[in-house]
Each structure stands twice: as C-alpha cells, then as structure tokens.
Amino acid sequence: MPCSVTINNVSAEYPTAQGGLVKALDRLSFHIEPGEFVTLVGSSGCGKSTALRLIAGLIHPTSGFVYVDQERINKPSLRVGIMFQDSNLMPWRTVQDNISLPLELRGVRRKERYAQVEALLPILGLKGFAKAYPGQLSGGMSQRVALGRLLIQQPDVMLLDEPFGALDALTRERLSLDLLRVWHTQNLTVLMVTHDINEAVLLSDRVIVLSQRPGHVKLDLPISLARPRHPSDLYSEAFGSLVSQVRTALDL
C-alpha cells in the first residue's frame, strides 16, 4: 500500500575534503500524501539528492526528522526503494537475473523469482527480453530493467534520482509516460528528482522547488492538469502557465 512521507524541519551537513562542513539542507519541510507523485526541482547542489538519501535512510539528518507514515527513518527500509541515474546492471547477468537480484539476496527460490519477473516484464515493456544481457540493450531498456529491479522489491515509496537524465529526449519522454503507467498500476508513492521542468510538470501531482544551497522549499506547486497525462499537454496554455511559475521560482 502507498504511504505518506514527511520531512520535518530537516537540516543536513556533510564534510568537505578540506575538513570543513557544507550545509546541504536548511530546515526543509514538506509532506507527501499516500499515492502522490511529487517531483523536486532546483539548481545543482541545492540538496535534492540529499533529500532522497535521507528518506531512503542512507544518510542521517543533522537535525529534524524523516517519517514514512508514522515510522521514523534512521536506516534503510524495505518500504522505500531508490533508483539512480546509472542503471548499475551487472553485465554478466541476464535481464531476469538483474531484476530478481533483490529477491535472490532475500533467499527467494529461483522458480518464484523468475515467476515474479515474468509478471513484471510486460508492465516494463520488456516482454521477450528475459534472457537478454545488458550489453544487448539500449539505454532506455537498461533503465527499464533498473526500474524492474526496484519494483520487484514491492516498495511503498519509490524514490527516483534523475532516472532518465542520461537518455535522449524522445526516449526520455517515452519512459516518462511509461513511468506514469507503472505508478498508476502499482499504486505507489513517488518522489522524483529532475532538472527537466517540463518533465516535472507533466508527471506530477505537485512540483516542489528548492532554493539554492542550503536547500529549503521556495515553491510547492499543485499541478491541476487532468489525468491521464499526454504529450499533447505540453502545448496547452495551462501547462505553459505552470512551467512559467516553476521557472520564476528557479529565477530562470
């Protein structure tokens, strides 16, 4: 079941190579409702990825709290899955073995692992590619495999850190719409980091704009476009107005 995410007055610092400290986030607060699709946008270095890592339990805040539902997060949780820009596939493993890796690490038997992968492949647009190796896949297909590896963990919250940033524009648009379909069918709470304002508005229920470092919320913008979303929405007056509000908050 999808669940809520709460960032409550969180600050985060990290050490520099020179022995000092950099403040990445400053009293950041926002709440995501169960089943919402929210994107974080902001300039490079504003703390977007830091926020994701805090929710994933990979790092700890200097102050403040992070919650998934009522559970305070201070270590990685099976309820939360994260996907990065690099697919990080193992080149010696097939698609089905890359996707099923989290289940293998939990001790799930091969037959059951492969059955779960087989059910996921059509959803990911990878039907017929179970036995293919990463070297035989396009960049877009590799990201689909990485998404499958995340989904097979059955997380309640899915964190996406620029998952399509390295792809060409057409592939990125296609995968973005596929992601919306997966989000709808899998019933997940999603928080996604992106630098692409159009992508943020097209996909989201809300777009949160962070300030320059140390990051805090400058704008929390509800996206009122009807669902399901289509590429044609990019050319509507309402879409243009929403993009303009995000650009203004980013000082672009």
Protein backbone atom coordinates (compact mmCIF):
# COMPACT_ATOMS: atom_id res chain seq x y z
CA MET A 1 0.00 0.00 0.00
CA PRO A 2 1.26 3.53 -0.70
CA CYS A 3 2.21 5.54 2.34
CA SER A 4 2.94 9.13 3.30
CA VAL A 5 6.37 10.75 3.54
CA THR A 6 7.14 13.62 5.89
CA ILE A 7 10.27 15.75 6.00
CA ASN A 8 10.05 17.71 9.25
CA ASN A 9 12.39 20.70 9.72
CA VAL A 10 15.38 18.79 8.36
CA SER A 11 18.89 20.22 8.06
CA ALA A 12 21.79 18.21 6.64
CA GLU A 13 25.53 18.86 6.53
CA TYR A 14 28.39 16.89 5.04
CA PRO A 15 32.17 17.18 5.41
CA THR A 16 34.38 18.60 2.68
CA ALA A 17 37.80 17.35 1.59
CA GLN A 18 39.30 20.42 3.29
CA GLY A 19 37.88 19.38 6.66
CA GLY A 20 35.01 21.85 6.75
CA LEU A 21 31.24 21.35 6.56
CA VAL A 22 28.76 22.17 3.79
CA LYS A 23 25.12 22.66 4.71
CA ALA A 24 23.06 20.93 2.00
CA LEU A 25 19.59 21.46 3.50
CA ASP A 26 18.30 24.07 5.92
CA ARG A 27 15.08 23.36 7.87
CA LEU A 28 13.46 21.60 4.93
CA SER A 29 9.83 20.59 5.46
CA PHE A 30 7.23 19.03 3.18
CA HIS A 31 4.65 16.23 3.24
CA ILE A 32 3.67 13.76 0.52
CA GLU A 33 0.28 12.07 0.71
CA PRO A 34 -0.06 8.31 0.09
CA GLY A 35 -0.12 7.65 -3.66
CA GLU A 36 1.06 11.12 -4.69
CA PHE A 37 3.60 11.69 -7.46
CA VAL A 38 5.82 14.60 -6.42
CA THR A 39 8.94 15.99 -8.09
CA LEU A 40 11.80 18.02 -6.63
CA VAL A 41 13.48 20.58 -8.86
CA GLY A 42 16.23 23.06 -8.14
CA SER A 43 19.70 24.16 -9.18
CA SER A 44 22.64 21.75 -8.97
CA GLY A 45 23.89 21.32 -5.41
CA CYS A 46 20.67 22.51 -3.75
CA GLY A 47 20.18 19.25 -1.81
CA LYS A 48 17.65 17.37 -3.95
CA SER A 49 19.58 14.11 -3.94
CA THR A 50 20.42 14.58 -0.27
CA ALA A 51 16.68 14.70 0.48
CA LEU A 52 16.16 11.41 -1.35
CA ARG A 53 19.00 9.73 0.52
CA LEU A 54 17.57 10.91 3.83
CA ILE A 55 14.19 9.36 3.01
CA ALA A 56 15.92 6.16 1.90
CA GLY A 57 17.74 6.02 5.24
CA LEU A 58 21.15 6.07 3.53
CA ILE A 59 22.25 9.15 5.48
CA HIS A 60 21.05 10.88 8.64
CA PRO A 61 19.89 14.47 9.10
CA THR A 62 21.92 16.87 11.23
CA SER A 63 18.62 17.94 12.77
CA GLY A 64 14.94 17.28 12.15
CA PHE A 65 13.11 14.07 11.33
CA VAL A 66 12.04 11.95 8.37
CA TYR A 67 8.94 9.75 8.53
CA VAL A 68 7.33 7.14 6.30
CA ASP A 69 3.79 7.03 7.64
CA GLN A 70 4.42 7.12 11.39
CA GLU A 71 7.79 5.31 11.20
CA ARG A 72 10.82 7.48 11.83
CA ILE A 73 13.51 6.67 9.25
CA ASN A 74 17.05 6.25 10.58
CA LYS A 75 18.18 3.29 8.45
CA PRO A 76 17.27 1.71 5.08
CA SER A 77 13.74 0.30 5.00
CA LEU A 78 12.18 -2.35 2.75
CA ARG A 79 9.22 0.04 2.43
CA VAL A 80 11.39 2.52 0.50
CA GLY A 81 13.16 1.85 -2.81
CA ILE A 82 15.54 4.17 -4.66
CA MET A 83 16.70 4.30 -8.28
CA PHE A 84 19.61 6.38 -9.57
CA GLN A 85 20.54 7.79 -12.99
CA ASP A 86 23.02 4.98 -13.65
CA SER A 87 21.23 1.66 -14.12
CA ASN A 88 24.15 -0.22 -12.46
CA LEU A 89 23.23 -3.51 -14.13
CA MET A 90 25.55 -6.47 -13.75
CA PRO A 91 26.75 -7.21 -17.31
CA TRP A 92 27.18 -10.94 -16.67
CA ARG A 93 23.58 -11.38 -15.51
CA THR A 94 20.54 -11.62 -17.78
CA VAL A 95 17.60 -9.24 -17.55
CA GLN A 96 15.66 -11.68 -15.38
CA ASP A 97 18.66 -12.19 -13.10
CA ASN A 98 19.32 -8.46 -12.77
CA ILE A 99 15.68 -7.72 -11.93
CA SER A 100 15.39 -10.61 -9.50
CA LEU A 101 18.62 -9.82 -7.62
CA PRO A 102 16.86 -8.30 -4.56
CA LEU A 103 14.75 -11.46 -4.21
CA GLU A 104 17.82 -13.66 -4.60
CA LEU A 105 19.52 -11.76 -1.78
CA ARG A 106 16.47 -12.44 0.40
CA GLY A 107 16.72 -16.17 -0.31
CA VAL A 108 13.66 -16.47 -2.56
CA ARG A 109 13.80 -19.63 -4.68
CA ARG A 110 14.67 -19.28 -8.37
CA LYS A 111 11.32 -20.52 -9.69
CA GLU A 112 9.42 -17.99 -7.61
CA ARG A 113 11.86 -15.20 -8.51
CA TYR A 114 11.52 -15.87 -12.22
CA ALA A 115 7.71 -16.05 -11.97
CA GLN A 116 7.63 -12.58 -10.42
CA VAL A 117 9.97 -11.22 -13.10
CA GLU A 118 7.83 -12.75 -15.85
CA ALA A 119 4.79 -10.90 -14.46
CA LEU A 120 6.70 -7.60 -14.44
CA LEU A 121 8.25 -7.73 -17.92
CA PRO A 122 5.08 -6.73 -19.87
CA ILE A 123 4.49 -3.82 -17.47
CA LEU A 124 8.05 -2.64 -18.15
CA GLY A 125 7.81 -3.10 -21.91
CA LEU A 126 10.43 -5.87 -21.77
CA LYS A 127 8.41 -8.92 -22.72
CA GLY A 128 10.64 -11.36 -24.57
CA PHE A 129 13.89 -9.94 -23.14
CA ALA A 130 14.23 -12.10 -20.02
CA LYS A 131 17.33 -13.89 -21.33
CA ALA A 132 19.00 -10.82 -22.86
CA TYR A 133 22.19 -9.35 -21.36
CA PRO A 134 22.74 -5.64 -20.59
CA GLY A 135 25.19 -5.30 -23.49
CA GLN A 136 22.34 -6.17 -25.86
CA LEU A 137 20.03 -3.43 -24.51
CA SER A 138 19.56 0.23 -25.38
CA GLY A 139 19.94 2.89 -22.68
CA GLY A 140 16.18 3.14 -22.31
CA MET A 141 15.77 -0.61 -21.94
CA SER A 142 18.54 -0.70 -19.34
CA GLN A 143 16.66 1.88 -17.29
CA ARG A 144 13.51 -0.24 -17.58
CA VAL A 145 15.48 -3.16 -16.13
CA ALA A 146 16.68 -0.95 -13.28
CA LEU A 147 13.09 0.13 -12.65
CA GLY A 148 12.04 -3.52 -12.62
CA ARG A 149 14.74 -4.30 -10.05
CA LEU A 150 13.20 -1.58 -7.88
CA LEU A 151 9.58 -2.63 -8.41
CA ILE A 152 10.21 -6.29 -7.62
CA GLN A 153 11.07 -5.22 -4.08
CA GLN A 154 7.43 -4.05 -3.81
CA PRO A 155 8.25 -0.78 -2.04
CA ASP A 156 5.53 1.52 -0.75
CA VAL A 157 7.62 4.58 -1.63
CA MET A 158 9.67 4.88 -4.82
CA LEU A 159 12.49 7.44 -4.93
CA LEU A 160 13.87 8.34 -8.36
CA ASP A 161 17.06 10.38 -8.71
CA GLU A 162 17.24 11.71 -12.30
CA PRO A 163 16.41 8.22 -13.65
CA PHE A 164 16.18 9.36 -17.28
CA GLY A 165 18.80 12.13 -17.21
CA ALA A 166 21.29 10.33 -19.48
CA LEU A 167 18.76 9.47 -22.20
CA ASP A 168 17.88 11.27 -25.42
CA ALA A 169 14.75 13.44 -25.44
CA LEU A 170 12.44 11.02 -27.29
CA THR A 171 13.41 8.04 -25.16
CA ARG A 172 13.07 10.16 -22.04
CA GLU A 173 9.55 11.25 -22.98
CA ARG A 174 8.50 7.68 -23.75
CA LEU A 175 9.89 6.35 -20.47
CA SER A 176 8.30 9.19 -18.52
CA LEU A 177 4.87 8.20 -19.79
CA ASP A 178 5.66 4.54 -19.09
CA LEU A 179 6.60 5.55 -15.55
CA LEU A 180 3.20 7.19 -15.11
CA ARG A 181 1.53 3.94 -16.21
CA VAL A 182 3.63 1.88 -13.79
CA TRP A 183 2.91 4.33 -10.96
CA HIS A 184 -0.82 4.06 -11.62
CA THR A 185 -0.93 0.25 -11.89
CA GLN A 186 1.44 -0.42 -8.95
CA ASN A 187 -0.22 2.08 -6.56
CA LEU A 188 2.95 3.76 -5.25
CA THR A 189 4.01 6.99 -3.60
CA VAL A 190 6.70 8.57 -5.80
CA LEU A 191 9.26 11.30 -5.17
CA MET A 192 11.38 12.09 -8.20
CA VAL A 193 14.32 14.46 -8.69
CA THR A 194 14.66 16.05 -12.12
CA HIS A 195 16.25 19.08 -13.78
CA ASP A 196 13.65 19.00 -16.57
CA ILE A 197 10.81 21.41 -15.74
CA ASN A 198 8.52 20.09 -18.49
CA GLU A 199 9.02 16.55 -17.22
CA ALA A 200 8.28 17.63 -13.66
CA VAL A 201 5.01 19.33 -14.60
CA LEU A 202 3.90 16.57 -16.97
CA LEU A 203 4.36 13.78 -14.43
CA SER A 204 3.49 15.28 -11.09
CA ASP A 205 0.65 15.98 -8.71
CA ARG A 206 2.94 18.61 -7.14
CA VAL A 207 6.26 20.22 -8.03
CA ILE A 208 8.44 21.34 -5.12
CA VAL A 209 11.12 23.91 -5.98
CA LEU A 210 14.15 24.06 -3.69
CA SER A 211 16.27 27.16 -3.16
CA GLN A 212 19.98 27.28 -3.83
CA ARG A 213 22.12 25.58 -1.19
CA PRO A 214 21.28 25.18 1.61
CA GLY A 215 18.02 23.92 0.17
CA HIS A 216 14.61 24.86 1.54
CA VAL A 217 11.18 24.99 -0.11
CA LYS A 218 10.70 28.04 -2.34
CA LEU A 219 7.53 26.82 -4.06
CA ASP A 220 5.14 23.91 -3.54
CA LEU A 221 3.00 23.97 -6.69
CA PRO A 222 -0.08 21.76 -7.15
CA ILE A 223 -0.40 20.53 -10.74
CA SER A 224 -4.05 20.77 -11.71
CA LEU A 225 -3.79 19.07 -15.13
CA ALA A 226 -6.25 16.22 -15.63
CA ARG A 227 -5.03 12.63 -15.66
CA PRO A 228 -4.12 10.60 -17.62
CA ARG A 229 -1.43 12.90 -18.97
CA HIS A 230 -0.45 13.02 -22.65
CA PRO A 231 2.43 14.60 -24.61
CA SER A 232 -0.13 16.99 -26.11
CA ASP A 233 -0.48 18.55 -22.63
CA LEU A 234 2.94 20.13 -23.22
CA TYR A 235 1.34 22.57 -25.67
CA SER A 236 -1.64 23.67 -23.56
CA GLU A 237 -1.98 27.14 -22.06
CA ALA A 238 -2.43 25.65 -18.57
CA PHE A 239 0.79 23.66 -18.92
CA GLY A 240 2.70 26.74 -20.05
CA SER A 241 1.44 28.71 -17.06
CA LEU A 242 2.58 26.02 -14.61
CA VAL A 243 6.02 25.80 -16.24
CA SER A 244 6.32 29.58 -16.02
CA GLN A 245 5.60 29.51 -12.27
CA VAL A 246 8.33 26.92 -11.73
CA ARG A 247 10.81 28.88 -13.87
CA THR A 248 10.07 32.06 -11.90
CA ALA A 249 10.74 30.25 -8.62
CA LEU A 250 14.03 28.98 -10.06
CA ASP A 251 14.94 32.52 -11.16
CA LEU A 252 15.38 31.35 -14.78
